[in-house]
PDB file of N, CA and C in Angstrom:
ATOM      1  N   MET A   1     -28.946   4.084 -36.836  1.00  0.00           N
ATOM      2  CA  MET A   1     -28.862   2.879 -37.624  1.00  0.00           C
ATOM      3  C   MET A   1     -27.798   1.965 -37.030  1.00  0.00           C
ATOM      4  N   PHE A   2     -28.122   0.708 -36.886  1.00  0.00           N
ATOM      5  CA  PHE A   2     -27.228  -0.307 -36.304  1.00  0.00           C
ATOM      6  C   PHE A   2     -26.184  -0.734 -37.332  1.00  0.00           C
ATOM      7  N   THR A   3     -24.916  -0.713 -36.878  1.00  0.00           N
ATOM      8  CA  THR A   3     -23.851  -1.281 -37.716  1.00  0.00           C
ATOM      9  C   THR A   3     -22.918  -2.069 -36.820  1.00  0.00           C
ATOM     10  N   TRP A   4     -22.286  -3.078 -37.389  1.00  0.00           N
ATOM     11  CA  TRP A   4     -21.321  -3.881 -36.636  1.00  0.00           C
ATOM     12  C   TRP A   4     -20.135  -3.030 -36.215  1.00  0.00           C
ATOM     13  N   LYS A   5     -19.776  -2.063 -37.035  1.00  0.00           N
ATOM     14  CA  LYS A   5     -18.642  -1.195 -36.733  1.00  0.00           C
ATOM     15  C   LYS A   5     -18.911  -0.379 -35.458  1.00  0.00           C
ATOM     16  N   LYS A   6     -20.129   0.177 -35.334  1.00  0.00           N
ATOM     17  CA  LYS A   6     -20.486   0.947 -34.133  1.00  0.00           C
ATOM     18  C   LYS A   6     -20.545   0.051 -32.898  1.00  0.00           C
ATOM     19  N   LEU A   7     -21.103  -1.138 -33.066  1.00  0.00           N
ATOM     20  CA  LEU A   7     -21.198  -2.068 -31.950  1.00  0.00           C
ATOM     21  C   LEU A   7     -19.810  -2.494 -31.485  1.00  0.00           C
ATOM     22  N   THR A   8     -18.928  -2.815 -32.429  1.00  0.00           N
ATOM     23  CA  THR A   8     -17.557  -3.205 -32.090  1.00  0.00           C
ATOM     24  C   THR A   8     -16.832  -2.072 -31.374  1.00  0.00           C
ATOM     25  N   ALA A   9     -16.977  -0.850 -31.848  1.00  0.00           N
ATOM     26  CA  ALA A   9     -16.336   0.306 -31.214  1.00  0.00           C
ATOM     27  C   ALA A   9     -16.864   0.506 -29.794  1.00  0.00           C
ATOM     28  N   ALA A  10     -18.150   0.349 -29.594  1.00  0.00           N
ATOM     29  CA  ALA A  10     -18.736   0.509 -28.261  1.00  0.00           C
ATOM     30  C   ALA A  10     -18.226  -0.570 -27.312  1.00  0.00           C
ATOM     31  N   ILE A  11     -18.136  -1.796 -27.788  1.00  0.00           N
ATOM     32  CA  ILE A  11     -17.643  -2.897 -26.951  1.00  0.00           C
ATOM     33  C   ILE A  11     -16.184  -2.660 -26.587  1.00  0.00           C
ATOM     34  N   LEU A  12     -15.365  -2.277 -27.560  1.00  0.00           N
ATOM     35  CA  LEU A  12     -13.949  -2.020 -27.289  1.00  0.00           C
ATOM     36  C   LEU A  12     -13.769  -0.880 -26.293  1.00  0.00           C
ATOM     37  N   THR A  13     -14.545   0.178 -26.433  1.00  0.00           N
ATOM     38  CA  THR A  13     -14.466   1.298 -25.498  1.00  0.00           C
ATOM     39  C   THR A  13     -14.824   0.852 -24.088  1.00  0.00           C
ATOM     40  N   SER A  14     -15.854   0.047 -23.958  1.00  0.00           N
ATOM     41  CA  SER A  14     -16.256  -0.466 -22.643  1.00  0.00           C
ATOM     42  C   SER A  14     -15.181  -1.356 -22.043  1.00  0.00           C
ATOM     43  N   LEU A  15     -14.586  -2.241 -22.848  1.00  0.00           N
ATOM     44  CA  LEU A  15     -13.537  -3.127 -22.349  1.00  0.00           C
ATOM     45  C   LEU A  15     -12.301  -2.352 -21.910  1.00  0.00           C
ATOM     46  N   ILE A  16     -11.920  -1.356 -22.669  1.00  0.00           N
ATOM     47  CA  ILE A  16     -10.761  -0.534 -22.293  1.00  0.00           C
ATOM     48  C   ILE A  16     -11.036   0.173 -20.965  1.00  0.00           C
ATOM     49  N   GLY A  17     -12.233   0.691 -20.788  1.00  0.00           N
ATOM     50  CA  GLY A  17     -12.601   1.336 -19.524  1.00  0.00           C
ATOM     51  C   GLY A  17     -12.529   0.373 -18.356  1.00  0.00           C
ATOM     52  N   LEU A  18     -12.992  -0.859 -18.565  1.00  0.00           N
ATOM     53  CA  LEU A  18     -12.938  -1.862 -17.504  1.00  0.00           C
ATOM     54  C   LEU A  18     -11.497  -2.229 -17.157  1.00  0.00           C
ATOM     55  N   VAL A  19     -10.638  -2.341 -18.153  1.00  0.00           N
ATOM     56  CA  VAL A  19      -9.234  -2.667 -17.906  1.00  0.00           C
ATOM     57  C   VAL A  19      -8.577  -1.574 -17.074  1.00  0.00           C
ATOM     58  N   PHE A  20      -8.794  -0.304 -17.431  1.00  0.00           N
ATOM     59  CA  PHE A  20      -8.197   0.793 -16.665  1.00  0.00           C
ATOM     60  C   PHE A  20      -8.776   0.875 -15.262  1.00  0.00           C
ATOM     61  N   ALA A  21     -10.051   0.619 -15.105  1.00  0.00           N
ATOM     62  CA  ALA A  21     -10.657   0.636 -13.770  1.00  0.00           C
ATOM     63  C   ALA A  21     -10.085  -0.477 -12.911  1.00  0.00           C
ATOM     64  N   ALA A  22      -9.913  -1.662 -13.481  1.00  0.00           N
ATOM     65  CA  ALA A  22      -9.345  -2.785 -12.730  1.00  0.00           C
ATOM     66  C   ALA A  22      -7.897  -2.512 -12.358  1.00  0.00           C
ATOM     67  N   ALA A  23      -7.137  -1.935 -13.261  1.00  0.00           N
ATOM     68  CA  ALA A  23      -5.726  -1.640 -12.977  1.00  0.00           C
ATOM     69  C   ALA A  23      -5.594  -0.624 -11.863  1.00  0.00           C
ATOM     70  N   SER A  24      -6.436   0.400 -11.854  1.00  0.00           N
ATOM     71  CA  SER A  24      -6.336   1.404 -10.802  1.00  0.00           C
ATOM     72  C   SER A  24      -6.832   0.862  -9.463  1.00  0.00           C
ATOM     73  N   ALA A  25      -7.709  -0.153  -9.486  1.00  0.00           N
ATOM     74  CA  ALA A  25      -8.195  -0.747  -8.247  1.00  0.00           C
ATOM     75  C   ALA A  25      -7.174  -1.702  -7.649  1.00  0.00           C
ATOM     76  N   GLU A  26      -6.198  -2.146  -8.442  1.00  0.00           N
ATOM     77  CA  GLU A  26      -5.224  -3.113  -7.972  1.00  0.00           C
ATOM     78  C   GLU A  26      -4.119  -2.495  -7.134  1.00  0.00           C
ATOM     79  N   ALA A  27      -3.880  -1.197  -7.251  1.00  0.00           N
ATOM     80  CA  ALA A  27      -2.795  -0.559  -6.513  1.00  0.00           C
ATOM     81  C   ALA A  27      -3.281   0.766  -5.947  1.00  0.00           C
ATOM     82  N   ALA A  28      -2.675   1.153  -4.836  1.00  0.00           N
ATOM     83  CA  ALA A  28      -3.019   2.419  -4.202  1.00  0.00           C
ATOM     84  C   ALA A  28      -1.736   3.042  -3.648  1.00  0.00           C
ATOM     85  N   THR A  29      -1.763   4.347  -3.493  1.00  0.00           N
ATOM     86  CA  THR A  29      -0.630   5.040  -2.896  1.00  0.00           C
ATOM     87  C   THR A  29      -0.858   5.151  -1.398  1.00  0.00           C
ATOM     88  N   LEU A  30       0.143   4.739  -0.636  1.00  0.00           N
ATOM     89  CA  LEU A  30       0.113   4.821   0.818  1.00  0.00           C
ATOM     90  C   LEU A  30       1.259   5.730   1.260  1.00  0.00           C
ATOM     91  N   THR A  31       0.952   6.723   2.068  1.00  0.00           N
ATOM     92  CA  THR A  31       1.975   7.612   2.621  1.00  0.00           C
ATOM     93  C   THR A  31       2.313   7.129   4.021  1.00  0.00           C
ATOM     94  N   LEU A  32       3.594   6.829   4.234  1.00  0.00           N
ATOM     95  CA  LEU A  32       4.072   6.436   5.557  1.00  0.00           C
ATOM     96  C   LEU A  32       4.837   7.601   6.153  1.00  0.00           C
ATOM     97  N   VAL A  33       4.456   8.000   7.366  1.00  0.00           N
ATOM     98  CA  VAL A  33       5.096   9.104   8.071  1.00  0.00           C
ATOM     99  C   VAL A  33       5.812   8.515   9.280  1.00  0.00           C
ATOM    100  N   ASN A  34       7.113   8.751   9.373  1.00  0.00           N
ATOM    101  CA  ASN A  34       7.899   8.205  10.485  1.00  0.00           C
ATOM    102  C   ASN A  34       8.037   9.263  11.573  1.00  0.00           C
ATOM    103  N   GLN A  35       7.232   9.137  12.620  1.00  0.00           N
ATOM    104  CA  GLN A  35       7.318  10.017  13.783  1.00  0.00           C
ATOM    105  C   GLN A  35       7.902   9.271  14.978  1.00  0.00           C
ATOM    106  N   SER A  36       8.543   8.128  14.711  1.00  0.00           N
ATOM    107  CA  SER A  36       9.211   7.387  15.774  1.00  0.00           C
ATOM    108  C   SER A  36      10.595   7.986  15.981  1.00  0.00           C
ATOM    109  N   ALA A  37      11.303   7.501  16.969  1.00  0.00           N
ATOM    110  CA  ALA A  37      12.653   7.992  17.254  1.00  0.00           C
ATOM    111  C   ALA A  37      13.705   7.276  16.409  1.00  0.00           C
ATOM    112  N   SER A  38      13.309   6.267  15.640  1.00  0.00           N
ATOM    113  CA  SER A  38      14.259   5.436  14.891  1.00  0.00           C
ATOM    114  C   SER A  38      14.118   5.613  13.386  1.00  0.00           C
ATOM    115  N   GLU A  39      15.210   5.358  12.679  1.00  0.00           N
ATOM    116  CA  GLU A  39      15.148   5.243  11.226  1.00  0.00           C
ATOM    117  C   GLU A  39      14.490   3.913  10.891  1.00  0.00           C
ATOM    118  N   ILE A  40      13.657   3.914   9.868  1.00  0.00           N
ATOM    119  CA  ILE A  40      13.022   2.676   9.419  1.00  0.00           C
ATOM    120  C   ILE A  40      13.809   2.172   8.215  1.00  0.00           C
ATOM    121  N   HIS A  41      14.299   0.934   8.312  1.00  0.00           N
ATOM    122  CA  HIS A  41      15.113   0.357   7.246  1.00  0.00           C
ATOM    123  C   HIS A  41      14.382  -0.703   6.435  1.00  0.00           C
ATOM    124  N   ALA A  42      13.233  -1.155   6.912  1.00  0.00           N
ATOM    125  CA  ALA A  42      12.441  -2.135   6.165  1.00  0.00           C
ATOM    126  C   ALA A  42      10.973  -1.936   6.500  1.00  0.00           C
ATOM    127  N   ILE A  43      10.141  -2.088   5.473  1.00  0.00           N
ATOM    128  CA  ILE A  43       8.690  -2.002   5.639  1.00  0.00           C
ATOM    129  C   ILE A  43       8.081  -3.181   4.892  1.00  0.00           C
ATOM    130  N   TYR A  44       7.337  -3.983   5.626  1.00  0.00           N
ATOM    131  CA  TYR A  44       6.661  -5.139   5.040  1.00  0.00           C
ATOM    132  C   TYR A  44       5.162  -4.940   5.179  1.00  0.00           C
ATOM    133  N   ILE A  45       4.428  -5.272   4.135  1.00  0.00           N
ATOM    134  CA  ILE A  45       2.976  -5.147   4.149  1.00  0.00           C
ATOM    135  C   ILE A  45       2.401  -6.472   3.678  1.00  0.00           C
ATOM    136  N   SER A  46       1.318  -6.901   4.309  1.00  0.00           N
ATOM    137  CA  SER A  46       0.640  -8.108   3.837  1.00  0.00           C
ATOM    138  C   SER A  46      -0.837  -8.026   4.169  1.00  0.00           C
ATOM    139  N   ASP A  47      -1.594  -8.849   3.504  1.00  0.00           N
ATOM    140  CA  ASP A  47      -3.018  -8.976   3.775  1.00  0.00           C
ATOM    141  C   ASP A  47      -3.197  -9.404   5.231  1.00  0.00           C
ATOM    142  N   SER A  48      -4.173  -8.856   5.920  1.00  0.00           N
ATOM    143  CA  SER A  48      -4.376  -9.188   7.332  1.00  0.00           C
ATOM    144  C   SER A  48      -4.634 -10.664   7.571  1.00  0.00           C
ATOM    145  N   GLY A  49      -5.133 -11.370   6.595  1.00  0.00           N
ATOM    146  CA  GLY A  49      -5.404 -12.788   6.758  1.00  0.00           C
ATOM    147  C   GLY A  49      -4.206 -13.683   6.492  1.00  0.00           C
ATOM    148  N   SER A  50      -3.084 -13.090   6.080  1.00  0.00           N
ATOM    149  CA  SER A  50      -1.911 -13.878   5.712  1.00  0.00           C
ATOM    150  C   SER A  50      -1.016 -14.135   6.917  1.00  0.00           C
ATOM    151  N   ASN A  51      -0.338 -15.274   6.901  1.00  0.00           N
ATOM    152  CA  ASN A  51       0.642 -15.587   7.941  1.00  0.00           C
ATOM    153  C   ASN A  51       2.057 -15.197   7.529  1.00  0.00           C
ATOM    154  N   ASP A  52       2.227 -14.714   6.301  1.00  0.00           N
ATOM    155  CA  ASP A  52       3.543 -14.374   5.775  1.00  0.00           C
ATOM    156  C   ASP A  52       3.588 -12.894   5.394  1.00  0.00           C
ATOM    157  N   TRP A  53       4.785 -12.333   5.473  1.00  0.00           N
ATOM    158  CA  TRP A  53       5.004 -10.952   5.061  1.00  0.00           C
ATOM    159  C   TRP A  53       5.416 -10.926   3.597  1.00  0.00           C
ATOM    160  N   GLU A  54       4.984  -9.893   2.886  1.00  0.00           N
ATOM    161  CA  GLU A  54       5.428  -9.677   1.507  1.00  0.00           C
ATOM    162  C   GLU A  54       6.862  -9.145   1.538  1.00  0.00           C
ATOM    163  N   GLU A  55       7.401  -8.792   0.372  1.00  0.00           N
ATOM    164  CA  GLU A  55       8.762  -8.283   0.286  1.00  0.00           C
ATOM    165  C   GLU A  55       8.892  -6.907   0.946  1.00  0.00           C
ATOM    166  N   ASN A  56      10.125  -6.556   1.312  1.00  0.00           N
ATOM    167  CA  ASN A  56      10.430  -5.236   1.858  1.00  0.00           C
ATOM    168  C   ASN A  56      10.162  -4.205   0.766  1.00  0.00           C
ATOM    169  N   VAL A  57       9.217  -3.293   0.996  1.00  0.00           N
ATOM    170  CA  VAL A  57       8.827  -2.333  -0.040  1.00  0.00           C
ATOM    171  C   VAL A  57       9.791  -1.162  -0.163  1.00  0.00           C
ATOM    172  N   ILE A  58      10.773  -1.052   0.746  1.00  0.00           N
ATOM    173  CA  ILE A  58      11.780   0.011   0.624  1.00  0.00           C
ATOM    174  C   ILE A  58      13.189  -0.576   0.569  1.00  0.00           C
ATOM    175  N   GLU A  59      13.315  -1.768   0.017  1.00  0.00           N
ATOM    176  CA  GLU A  59      14.611  -2.448  -0.082  1.00  0.00           C
ATOM    177  C   GLU A  59      15.690  -1.490  -0.589  1.00  0.00           C
ATOM    178  N   GLY A  60      16.786  -1.369   0.174  1.00  0.00           N
ATOM    179  CA  GLY A  60      17.894  -0.517  -0.223  1.00  0.00           C
ATOM    180  C   GLY A  60      17.755   0.942   0.192  1.00  0.00           C
ATOM    181  N   TYR A  61      16.652   1.304   0.817  1.00  0.00           N
ATOM    182  CA  TYR A  61      16.417   2.673   1.261  1.00  0.00           C
ATOM    183  C   TYR A  61      16.128   2.668   2.751  1.00  0.00           C
ATOM    184  N   MET A  62      16.003   3.855   3.325  1.00  0.00           N
ATOM    185  CA  MET A  62      15.558   3.972   4.711  1.00  0.00           C
ATOM    186  C   MET A  62      14.720   5.226   4.842  1.00  0.00           C
ATOM    187  N   LEU A  63      13.872   5.224   5.872  1.00  0.00           N
ATOM    188  CA  LEU A  63      12.973   6.342   6.142  1.00  0.00           C
ATOM    189  C   LEU A  63      13.385   6.976   7.462  1.00  0.00           C
ATOM    190  N   PRO A  64      14.093   8.125   7.406  1.00  0.00           N
ATOM    191  CA  PRO A  64      14.547   8.771   8.639  1.00  0.00           C
ATOM    192  C   PRO A  64      13.379   9.267   9.494  1.00  0.00           C
ATOM    193  N   SER A  65      13.619   9.406  10.776  1.00  0.00           N
ATOM    194  CA  SER A  65      12.633   9.972  11.689  1.00  0.00           C
ATOM    195  C   SER A  65      12.273  11.382  11.220  1.00  0.00           C
ATOM    196  N   GLY A  66      10.985  11.691  11.237  1.00  0.00           N
ATOM    197  CA  GLY A  66      10.518  13.013  10.829  1.00  0.00           C
ATOM    198  C   GLY A  66      10.250  13.144   9.341  1.00  0.00           C
ATOM    199  N   ASN A  67      10.446  12.086   8.571  1.00  0.00           N
ATOM    200  CA  ASN A  67      10.219  12.118   7.124  1.00  0.00           C
ATOM    201  C   ASN A  67       9.056  11.232   6.742  1.00  0.00           C
ATOM    202  N   GLN A  68       8.613  11.388   5.501  1.00  0.00           N
ATOM    203  CA  GLN A  68       7.535  10.556   4.983  1.00  0.00           C
ATOM    204  C   GLN A  68       7.913  10.006   3.621  1.00  0.00           C
ATOM    205  N   LEU A  69       7.177   8.966   3.219  1.00  0.00           N
ATOM    206  CA  LEU A  69       7.465   8.257   1.984  1.00  0.00           C
ATOM    207  C   LEU A  69       6.162   7.777   1.381  1.00  0.00           C
ATOM    208  N   ASN A  70       5.999   7.936   0.069  1.00  0.00           N
ATOM    209  CA  ASN A  70       4.849   7.399  -0.645  1.00  0.00           C
ATOM    210  C   ASN A  70       5.253   6.083  -1.290  1.00  0.00           C
ATOM    211  N   ILE A  71       4.436   5.056  -1.098  1.00  0.00           N
ATOM    212  CA  ILE A  71       4.685   3.756  -1.711  1.00  0.00           C
ATOM    213  C   ILE A  71       3.406   3.260  -2.376  1.00  0.00           C
ATOM    214  N   GLN A  72       3.564   2.406  -3.355  1.00  0.00           N
ATOM    215  CA  GLN A  72       2.430   1.763  -4.017  1.00  0.00           C
ATOM    216  C   GLN A  72       2.187   0.422  -3.342  1.00  0.00           C
ATOM    217  N   ILE A  73       0.951   0.166  -2.973  1.00  0.00           N
ATOM    218  CA  ILE A  73       0.605  -1.115  -2.362  1.00  0.00           C
ATOM    219  C   ILE A  73      -0.556  -1.736  -3.129  1.00  0.00           C
ATOM    220  N   PRO A  74      -0.666  -3.055  -3.087  1.00  0.00           N
ATOM    221  CA  PRO A  74      -1.818  -3.716  -3.713  1.00  0.00           C
ATOM    222  C   PRO A  74      -3.102  -3.351  -2.968  1.00  0.00           C
ATOM    223  N   SER A  75      -4.201  -3.636  -3.594  1.00  0.00           N
ATOM    224  CA  SER A  75      -5.495  -3.419  -2.966  1.00  0.00           C
ATOM    225  C   SER A  75      -5.765  -4.539  -1.959  1.00  0.00           C
ATOM    226  N   TYR A  76      -6.100  -4.160  -0.740  1.00  0.00           N
ATOM    227  CA  TYR A  76      -6.416  -5.117   0.322  1.00  0.00           C
ATOM    228  C   TYR A  76      -7.756  -4.763   0.942  1.00  0.00           C
ATOM    229  N   ARG A  77      -8.431  -5.760   1.499  1.00  0.00           N
ATOM    230  CA  ARG A  77      -9.608  -5.496   2.321  1.00  0.00           C
ATOM    231  C   ARG A  77      -9.141  -4.900   3.645  1.00  0.00           C
ATOM    232  N   SER A  78      -8.092  -5.485   4.226  1.00  0.00           N
ATOM    233  CA  SER A  78      -7.376  -4.932   5.377  1.00  0.00           C
ATOM    234  C   SER A  78      -5.952  -5.458   5.305  1.00  0.00           C
ATOM    235  N   PHE A  79      -5.024  -4.726   5.905  1.00  0.00           N
ATOM    236  CA  PHE A  79      -3.629  -5.128   5.800  1.00  0.00           C
ATOM    237  C   PHE A  79      -2.869  -4.847   7.085  1.00  0.00           C
ATOM    238  N   ASP A  80      -1.730  -5.523   7.214  1.00  0.00           N
ATOM    239  CA  ASP A  80      -0.836  -5.368   8.353  1.00  0.00           C
ATOM    240  C   ASP A  80       0.471  -4.758   7.865  1.00  0.00           C
ATOM    241  N   LEU A  81       1.201  -4.188   8.792  1.00  0.00           N
ATOM    242  CA  LEU A  81       2.440  -3.498   8.477  1.00  0.00           C
ATOM    243  C   LEU A  81       3.496  -3.880   9.502  1.00  0.00           C
ATOM    244  N   ARG A  82       4.691  -4.177   9.033  1.00  0.00           N
ATOM    245  CA  ARG A  82       5.831  -4.425   9.919  1.00  0.00           C
ATOM    246  C   ARG A  82       6.917  -3.429   9.537  1.00  0.00           C
ATOM    247  N   VAL A  83       7.483  -2.740  10.538  1.00  0.00           N
ATOM    248  CA  VAL A  83       8.601  -1.830  10.303  1.00  0.00           C
ATOM    249  C   VAL A  83       9.800  -2.324  11.107  1.00  0.00           C
ATOM    250  N   GLU A  84      10.981  -2.230  10.480  1.00  0.00           N
ATOM    251  CA  GLU A  84      12.218  -2.665  11.136  1.00  0.00           C
ATOM    252  C   GLU A  84      13.220  -1.526  11.142  1.00  0.00           C
ATOM    253  N   ASP A  85      14.013  -1.469  12.224  1.00  0.00           N
ATOM    254  CA  ASP A  85      15.094  -0.486  12.280  1.00  0.00           C
ATOM    255  C   ASP A  85      16.380  -1.112  11.756  1.00  0.00           C
ATOM    256  N   GLU A  86      17.473  -0.378  11.830  1.00  0.00           N
ATOM    257  CA  GLU A  86      18.735  -0.861  11.265  1.00  0.00           C
ATOM    258  C   GLU A  86      19.280  -2.100  11.971  1.00  0.00           C
ATOM    259  N   ASP A  87      18.865  -2.344  13.220  1.00  0.00           N
ATOM    260  CA  ASP A  87      19.321  -3.518  13.960  1.00  0.00           C
ATOM    261  C   ASP A  87      18.438  -4.738  13.740  1.00  0.00           C
ATOM    262  N   GLY A  88      17.371  -4.580  12.947  1.00  0.00           N
ATOM    263  CA  GLY A  88      16.446  -5.679  12.715  1.00  0.00           C
ATOM    264  C   GLY A  88      15.346  -5.777  13.750  1.00  0.00           C
ATOM    265  N   ASP A  89      15.328  -4.846  14.728  1.00  0.00           N
ATOM    266  CA  ASP A  89      14.221  -4.807  15.688  1.00  0.00           C
ATOM    267  C   ASP A  89      12.970  -4.351  14.937  1.00  0.00           C
ATOM    268  N   TYR A  90      11.830  -4.939  15.261  1.00  0.00           N
ATOM    269  CA  TYR A  90      10.629  -4.616  14.496  1.00  0.00           C
ATOM    270  C   TYR A  90       9.420  -4.382  15.399  1.00  0.00           C
ATOM    271  N   GLU A  91       8.443  -3.707  14.806  1.00  0.00           N
ATOM    272  CA  GLU A  91       7.123  -3.521  15.411  1.00  0.00           C
ATOM    273  C   GLU A  91       6.095  -3.865  14.355  1.00  0.00           C
ATOM    274  N   ASP A  92       5.043  -4.559  14.778  1.00  0.00           N
ATOM    275  CA  ASP A  92       3.950  -4.920  13.882  1.00  0.00           C
ATOM    276  C   ASP A  92       2.728  -4.078  14.189  1.00  0.00           C
ATOM    277  N   TYR A  93       2.036  -3.691  13.154  1.00  0.00           N
ATOM    278  CA  TYR A  93       0.801  -2.918  13.253  1.00  0.00           C
ATOM    279  C   TYR A  93      -0.247  -3.683  12.438  1.00  0.00           C
ATOM    280  N   HIS A  94      -1.434  -3.871  12.997  1.00  0.00           N
ATOM    281  CA  HIS A  94      -2.402  -4.780  12.402  1.00  0.00           C
ATOM    282  C   HIS A  94      -3.730  -4.114  12.046  1.00  0.00           C
ATOM    283  N   ASN A  95      -4.361  -4.721  11.042  1.00  0.00           N
ATOM    284  CA  ASN A  95      -5.748  -4.462  10.650  1.00  0.00           C
ATOM    285  C   ASN A  95      -6.043  -3.033  10.224  1.00  0.00           C
ATOM    286  N   PHE A  96      -5.203  -2.490   9.350  1.00  0.00           N
ATOM    287  CA  PHE A  96      -5.534  -1.199   8.745  1.00  0.00           C
ATOM    288  C   PHE A  96      -6.602  -1.440   7.686  1.00  0.00           C
ATOM    289  N   PRO A  97      -7.642  -0.612   7.623  1.00  0.00           N
ATOM    290  CA  PRO A  97      -8.647  -0.770   6.565  1.00  0.00           C
ATOM    291  C   PRO A  97      -8.004  -0.625   5.188  1.00  0.00           C
ATOM    292  N   GLY A  98      -8.535  -1.320   4.219  1.00  0.00           N
ATOM    293  CA  GLY A  98      -7.976  -1.292   2.867  1.00  0.00           C
ATOM    294  C   GLY A  98      -7.937   0.076   2.230  1.00  0.00           C
ATOM    295  N   ASN A  99      -8.805   0.988   2.672  1.00  0.00           N
ATOM    296  CA  ASN A  99      -8.818   2.329   2.079  1.00  0.00           C
ATOM    297  C   ASN A  99      -7.903   3.318   2.809  1.00  0.00           C
ATOM    298  N   THR A 100      -7.047   2.821   3.711  1.00  0.00           N
ATOM    299  CA  THR A 100      -6.096   3.680   4.420  1.00  0.00           C
ATOM    300  C   THR A 100      -5.115   4.270   3.418  1.00  0.00           C
ATOM    301  N   ARG A 101      -4.894   5.571   3.498  1.00  0.00           N
ATOM    302  CA  ARG A 101      -3.984   6.234   2.562  1.00  0.00           C
ATOM    303  C   ARG A 101      -2.795   6.895   3.259  1.00  0.00           C
ATOM    304  N   GLN A 102      -2.832   6.997   4.596  1.00  0.00           N
ATOM    305  CA  GLN A 102      -1.685   7.531   5.329  1.00  0.00           C
ATOM    306  C   GLN A 102      -1.586   6.855   6.687  1.00  0.00           C
ATOM    307  N   ILE A 103      -0.364   6.448   7.044  1.00  0.00           N
ATOM    308  CA  ILE A 103      -0.104   5.871   8.352  1.00  0.00           C
ATOM    309  C   ILE A 103       1.055   6.635   8.973  1.00  0.00           C
ATOM    310  N   THR A 104       0.849   7.102  10.190  1.00  0.00           N
ATOM    311  CA  THR A 104       1.911   7.755  10.951  1.00  0.00           C
ATOM    312  C   THR A 104       2.389   6.769  12.006  1.00  0.00           C
ATOM    313  N   ILE A 105       3.664   6.390  11.897  1.00  0.00           N
ATOM    314  CA  ILE A 105       4.287   5.477  12.855  1.00  0.00           C
ATOM    315  C   ILE A 105       4.876   6.315  13.978  1.00  0.00           C
ATOM    316  N   ARG A 106       4.438   6.056  15.207  1.00  0.00           N
ATOM    317  CA  ARG A 106       4.898   6.844  16.348  1.00  0.00           C
ATOM    318  C   ARG A 106       5.913   6.077  17.209  1.00  0.00           C
ATOM    319  N   GLY A 107       6.035   4.762  16.967  1.00  0.00           N
ATOM    320  CA  GLY A 107       6.928   3.938  17.770  1.00  0.00           C
ATOM    321  C   GLY A 107       6.199   3.375  18.968  1.00  0.00           C
ATOM    322  N   GLY A 108       6.813   2.402  19.623  1.00  0.00           N
ATOM    323  CA  GLY A 108       6.186   1.781  20.787  1.00  0.00           C
ATOM    324  C   GLY A 108       4.872   1.101  20.453  1.00  0.00           C
ATOM    325  N   GLY A 109       4.708   0.677  19.187  1.00  0.00           N
ATOM    326  CA  GLY A 109       3.472   0.023  18.763  1.00  0.00           C
ATOM    327  C   GLY A 109       2.324   0.982  18.501  1.00  0.00           C
ATOM    328  N   GLN A 110       2.583   2.282  18.546  1.00  0.00           N
ATOM    329  CA  GLN A 110       1.532   3.283  18.350  1.00  0.00           C
ATOM    330  C   GLN A 110       1.561   3.821  16.919  1.00  0.00           C
ATOM    331  N   SER A 111       0.383   3.955  16.337  1.00  0.00           N
ATOM    332  CA  SER A 111       0.266   4.513  14.991  1.00  0.00           C
ATOM    333  C   SER A 111      -1.062   5.236  14.876  1.00  0.00           C
ATOM    334  N   GLN A 112      -1.156   6.012  13.826  1.00  0.00           N
ATOM    335  CA  GLN A 112      -2.387   6.724  13.516  1.00  0.00           C
ATOM    336  C   GLN A 112      -2.582   6.599  12.016  1.00  0.00           C
ATOM    337  N   TYR A 113      -3.816   6.411  11.571  1.00  0.00           N
ATOM    338  CA  TYR A 113      -4.057   6.268  10.131  1.00  0.00           C
ATOM    339  C   TYR A 113      -5.267   7.064   9.715  1.00  0.00           C
ATOM    340  N   ARG A 114      -5.303   7.329   8.414  1.00  0.00           N
ATOM    341  CA  ARG A 114      -6.480   7.955   7.795  1.00  0.00           C
ATOM    342  C   ARG A 114      -6.599   7.495   6.368  1.00  0.00           C
TER     343      ARG A 114
END
């Protein structure tokens, strides 16, 4: 039997599901593995189509050589990554697919992702 109460409950349940699905699609966990010889003092990520870098995602921290770090990143179709050492020297890595969940930085512009 049709009632407004059942219809309202069904609509609310559907909307809540859509909100949670959209929220989980907006952010993803990315694991960065530092296999370079340097400590990483800044990590910038941006959409591959952008000319600007987003904020340093590890502001106030550093990623020592041989360690890894999990960070939350927005959802991208593809993205670029910039890593800086303590002297401000940097390397850029480009065009990681949006579904990348781990990046190993090897230094010298070399990286591996999955």
